[in-house]
Amino acid sequence: MNTRVRTRIKVCGIKDEASAMVAAEAGADAIGFILVPKLPRTIEPEQAASIMYGLPPMVNSVGVIRDLSVDQFADLEQRCPCELMQLHGDEPDKTVAACGPGVIKAFRFDAESVVGELRRWSRMHEVSAILVDGSAGGAGETFEWDLLAEALKSVPLPKPMILAGGLDPDNVGDAIRACKPWAVDVSTGVESAPGVKDHGAIRAFCQAVHDADASENSR
């Protein structure tokens, strides 16, 4: 029997307590808050902190930020002390290292550069996990998971890999079977409108992940 660790779930772009609780009750391991200004899913740090403090035990909070200086990072972390911070911009190595430990480094998938990016961030002690985002400009387009799976064969990762980009209840099982990520990250795939979470879709997504794991582990 396959004893692979189960796939963790992060539901991102949460803006209200009800959606956070639905995600947690459905089996999400982490709740993500977009702390980048002026986006459809942006939430103020203080509001995110209020939701974060109400999460059940063992459900992590993740703050998503982009291209902040170290001082800006420290200020934001004081206002919203999430358990993990996800750096989702073009942060230089020195900034990422200074913001760690306990950061997730995200980058956009590109078939030509993905191996180099995986190696780059795998070597950094302060990075706790790597997120590969297949969406272009955050638009949620799906990329070819087989290309990432092929790249992963040549880069043994010492860190957890999180898969994001275009995932929804209908395709997350295929993504898990192709790439076998440590975790999957969903936002637009469980929305009824930009920034508006569909509670039924959140539940369906979590169930689809659980079903994919059960199928994989029964082989």
Protein backbone atom coordinates (compact mmCIF):
# COMPACT_ATOMS: atom_id res chain seq x y z
CA MET A 1 0.00 0.00 0.00
CA ASN A 2 1.16 3.54 -0.74
CA THR A 3 1.89 5.32 2.57
CA ARG A 4 2.37 8.77 1.08
CA VAL A 5 1.54 11.60 3.46
CA ARG A 6 -1.88 13.12 2.83
CA THR A 7 -2.21 16.27 0.77
CA ARG A 8 -2.67 19.39 2.88
CA ILE A 9 -5.16 22.06 1.85
CA LYS A 10 -4.85 25.85 1.91
CA VAL A 11 -7.89 27.97 1.10
CA CYS A 12 -6.65 31.43 0.21
CA GLY A 13 -8.20 34.84 -0.33
CA ILE A 14 -10.46 34.55 2.72
CA LYS A 15 -12.17 37.81 3.68
CA ASP A 16 -14.80 36.82 6.24
CA GLU A 17 -15.09 34.65 9.33
CA ALA A 18 -17.88 32.46 7.95
CA SER A 19 -15.81 31.37 4.95
CA ALA A 20 -12.81 30.69 7.18
CA MET A 21 -14.88 28.44 9.45
CA VAL A 22 -16.45 26.59 6.53
CA ALA A 23 -12.97 25.90 5.15
CA ALA A 24 -11.68 24.72 8.52
CA GLU A 25 -14.68 22.45 9.09
CA ALA A 26 -14.32 21.01 5.59
CA GLY A 27 -10.76 19.97 6.30
CA ALA A 28 -8.54 22.90 5.29
CA ASP A 29 -5.19 22.91 7.07
CA ALA A 30 -4.47 26.58 6.39
CA ILE A 31 -6.37 29.79 5.75
CA GLY A 32 -4.73 32.38 3.52
CA PHE A 33 -5.17 36.15 3.77
CA ILE A 34 -4.20 38.43 0.88
CA LEU A 35 -2.37 41.38 2.46
CA VAL A 36 -1.36 42.90 -0.87
CA PRO A 37 -3.23 46.22 -1.34
CA LYS A 38 -5.90 46.91 -3.95
CA LEU A 39 -6.69 43.38 -5.11
CA PRO A 40 -10.17 41.78 -5.25
CA ARG A 41 -9.28 39.54 -2.31
CA THR A 42 -7.34 42.08 -0.23
CA ILE A 43 -8.10 42.16 3.48
CA GLU A 44 -6.84 44.67 6.02
CA PRO A 45 -4.23 43.19 8.40
CA GLU A 46 -6.29 43.92 11.49
CA GLN A 47 -9.38 42.26 10.01
CA ALA A 48 -7.31 39.23 9.00
CA ALA A 49 -5.89 39.04 12.52
CA SER A 50 -9.39 39.05 13.99
CA ILE A 51 -10.40 36.10 11.80
CA MET A 52 -7.10 34.35 12.49
CA TYR A 53 -7.56 34.47 16.26
CA GLY A 54 -10.93 32.73 15.86
CA LEU A 55 -9.60 29.77 13.88
CA PRO A 56 -9.82 26.32 15.45
CA PRO A 57 -6.65 24.73 16.87
CA MET A 58 -4.31 23.13 14.31
CA VAL A 59 -5.53 25.35 11.45
CA ASN A 60 -2.68 27.60 10.33
CA SER A 61 -2.92 31.19 9.15
CA VAL A 62 -0.91 32.37 6.15
CA GLY A 63 -0.40 36.00 5.19
CA VAL A 64 0.28 36.59 1.49
CA ILE A 65 2.52 39.57 0.76
CA ARG A 66 4.46 40.87 -2.22
CA ASP A 67 7.70 42.82 -2.67
CA LEU A 68 7.94 44.36 0.79
CA SER A 69 11.15 45.62 2.36
CA VAL A 70 12.29 43.89 5.53
CA ASP A 71 11.06 46.84 7.61
CA GLN A 72 7.66 46.76 5.90
CA PHE A 73 7.49 43.01 6.47
CA ALA A 74 8.23 43.44 10.18
CA ASP A 75 5.57 46.15 10.52
CA LEU A 76 2.93 44.03 8.78
CA GLU A 77 3.82 41.00 10.85
CA GLN A 78 3.20 43.05 13.99
CA ARG A 79 -0.26 44.03 12.73
CA CYS A 80 -1.15 40.51 11.56
CA PRO A 81 1.10 37.87 13.16
CA CYS A 82 0.23 34.93 10.92
CA GLU A 83 1.94 31.64 11.64
CA LEU A 84 3.42 31.69 8.13
CA MET A 85 4.08 34.44 5.63
CA GLN A 86 3.96 33.72 1.89
CA LEU A 87 6.27 35.88 -0.20
CA HIS A 88 4.59 36.08 -3.57
CA GLY A 89 6.67 38.62 -5.44
CA ASP A 90 10.14 39.09 -6.87
CA GLU A 91 11.85 39.37 -3.51
CA PRO A 92 15.66 39.09 -3.66
CA ASP A 93 17.37 36.31 -1.77
CA LYS A 94 18.63 38.61 1.00
CA THR A 95 15.13 39.89 1.71
CA VAL A 96 13.64 36.39 1.81
CA ALA A 97 16.37 35.24 4.19
CA ALA A 98 15.85 38.25 6.45
CA CYS A 99 12.09 37.63 6.59
CA GLY A 100 12.58 34.02 7.64
CA PRO A 101 12.44 31.55 9.14
CA GLY A 102 8.93 30.29 8.56
CA VAL A 103 8.25 31.76 5.15
CA ILE A 104 6.73 30.21 2.04
CA LYS A 105 8.43 31.38 -1.16
CA ALA A 106 6.14 31.44 -4.18
CA PHE A 107 7.09 31.77 -7.83
CA ARG A 108 5.29 31.57 -11.15
CA PHE A 109 5.70 28.35 -13.11
CA ASP A 110 7.77 28.60 -16.26
CA ALA A 111 8.95 25.42 -17.96
CA GLU A 112 12.34 26.91 -18.78
CA SER A 113 13.15 28.27 -15.33
CA VAL A 114 11.27 26.01 -12.92
CA VAL A 115 14.20 23.69 -12.18
CA GLY A 116 16.46 26.63 -11.36
CA GLU A 117 13.83 28.23 -9.13
CA LEU A 118 13.21 24.99 -7.25
CA ARG A 119 16.92 24.59 -6.63
CA ARG A 120 17.34 28.23 -5.64
CA TRP A 121 14.75 28.23 -2.90
CA SER A 122 15.39 24.67 -1.75
CA ARG A 123 18.87 25.72 -0.67
CA MET A 124 17.65 28.55 1.55
CA HIS A 125 17.36 27.51 5.19
CA GLU A 126 14.86 30.26 6.02
CA VAL A 127 12.33 29.02 3.46
CA SER A 128 9.99 26.45 4.99
CA ALA A 129 8.06 25.57 1.83
CA ILE A 130 7.99 26.38 -1.88
CA LEU A 131 4.80 27.31 -3.71
CA VAL A 132 4.64 26.83 -7.47
CA ASP A 133 1.92 29.01 -8.96
CA GLY A 134 0.72 28.16 -12.43
CA SER A 135 -1.56 31.17 -12.84
CA ALA A 136 -0.56 34.13 -14.98
CA GLY A 137 -0.89 37.37 -13.09
CA GLY A 138 -3.06 35.71 -10.49
CA ALA A 139 -5.79 35.00 -13.02
CA GLY A 140 -6.16 31.35 -12.04
CA GLU A 141 -5.30 29.72 -15.36
CA THR A 142 -4.37 26.07 -15.19
CA PHE A 143 -0.91 25.04 -16.33
CA GLU A 144 0.35 21.67 -17.53
CA TRP A 145 1.01 19.71 -14.37
CA ASP A 146 2.91 17.05 -16.28
CA LEU A 147 5.63 19.60 -17.06
CA LEU A 148 6.08 20.35 -13.37
CA ALA A 149 6.02 16.64 -12.54
CA GLU A 150 8.84 16.09 -15.04
CA ALA A 151 10.86 18.93 -13.52
CA LEU A 152 10.41 17.51 -10.02
CA LYS A 153 12.07 14.26 -11.13
CA SER A 154 15.36 16.11 -11.59
CA VAL A 155 15.15 18.17 -8.39
CA PRO A 156 14.77 16.12 -5.21
CA LEU A 157 13.10 18.63 -2.89
CA PRO A 158 14.12 18.76 0.78
CA LYS A 159 11.18 21.06 1.46
CA PRO A 160 7.40 20.75 1.08
CA MET A 161 6.03 21.84 -2.31
CA ILE A 162 2.65 23.58 -2.54
CA LEU A 163 0.79 23.55 -5.84
CA ALA A 164 -1.42 26.50 -6.86
CA GLY A 165 -2.93 27.98 -9.96
CA GLY A 166 -6.26 27.19 -11.59
CA LEU A 167 -7.22 24.46 -9.15
CA ASP A 168 -10.89 23.70 -8.53
CA PRO A 169 -13.00 20.77 -7.29
CA ASP A 170 -13.03 19.18 -10.74
CA ASN A 171 -9.30 19.16 -11.50
CA VAL A 172 -7.49 19.06 -8.16
CA GLY A 173 -7.48 15.26 -8.19
CA ASP A 174 -5.64 15.21 -11.51
CA ALA A 175 -3.11 17.73 -10.18
CA ILE A 176 -2.45 15.61 -7.09
CA ARG A 177 -1.98 12.46 -9.13
CA ALA A 178 0.42 14.21 -11.52
CA CYS A 179 2.61 16.16 -9.07
CA LYS A 180 2.03 14.59 -5.65
CA PRO A 181 2.41 17.91 -3.83
CA TRP A 182 2.66 18.32 -0.08
CA ALA A 183 -0.26 20.76 -0.28
CA VAL A 184 -2.66 22.38 -2.72
CA ASP A 185 -3.74 26.01 -2.64
CA VAL A 186 -7.09 27.23 -3.95
CA SER A 187 -8.67 30.67 -4.22
CA THR A 188 -10.49 31.56 -7.44
CA GLY A 189 -11.53 27.93 -7.93
CA VAL A 190 -13.93 28.13 -4.97
CA GLU A 191 -15.51 31.52 -5.72
CA SER A 192 -18.89 32.58 -7.07
CA ALA A 193 -17.47 36.02 -7.98
CA PRO A 194 -14.04 37.67 -7.55
CA GLY A 195 -13.34 37.72 -3.84
CA VAL A 196 -16.61 35.99 -2.90
CA LYS A 197 -16.14 32.47 -1.59
CA ASP A 198 -18.68 29.78 -2.48
CA HIS A 199 -19.08 27.63 0.62
CA GLY A 200 -20.36 24.65 -1.34
CA ALA A 201 -17.33 24.83 -3.63
CA ILE A 202 -14.97 24.98 -0.64
CA ARG A 203 -16.51 21.80 0.74
CA ALA A 204 -16.39 20.13 -2.68
CA PHE A 205 -12.73 21.05 -3.13
CA CYS A 206 -11.70 19.62 0.23
CA GLN A 207 -13.66 16.45 -0.46
CA ALA A 208 -12.02 16.10 -3.87
CA VAL A 209 -8.59 16.28 -2.24
CA HIS A 210 -9.56 13.65 0.31
CA ASP A 211 -10.95 11.41 -2.43
CA ALA A 212 -7.77 11.75 -4.51
CA ASP A 213 -5.63 10.83 -1.52
CA ALA A 214 -7.79 7.81 -0.73
CA SER A 215 -7.48 6.66 -4.34
CA GLU A 216 -3.71 7.13 -4.40
CA ASN A 217 -3.16 5.42 -1.06
CA SER A 218 -5.23 2.39 -2.01
CA ARG A 219 -2.89 1.48 -4.86
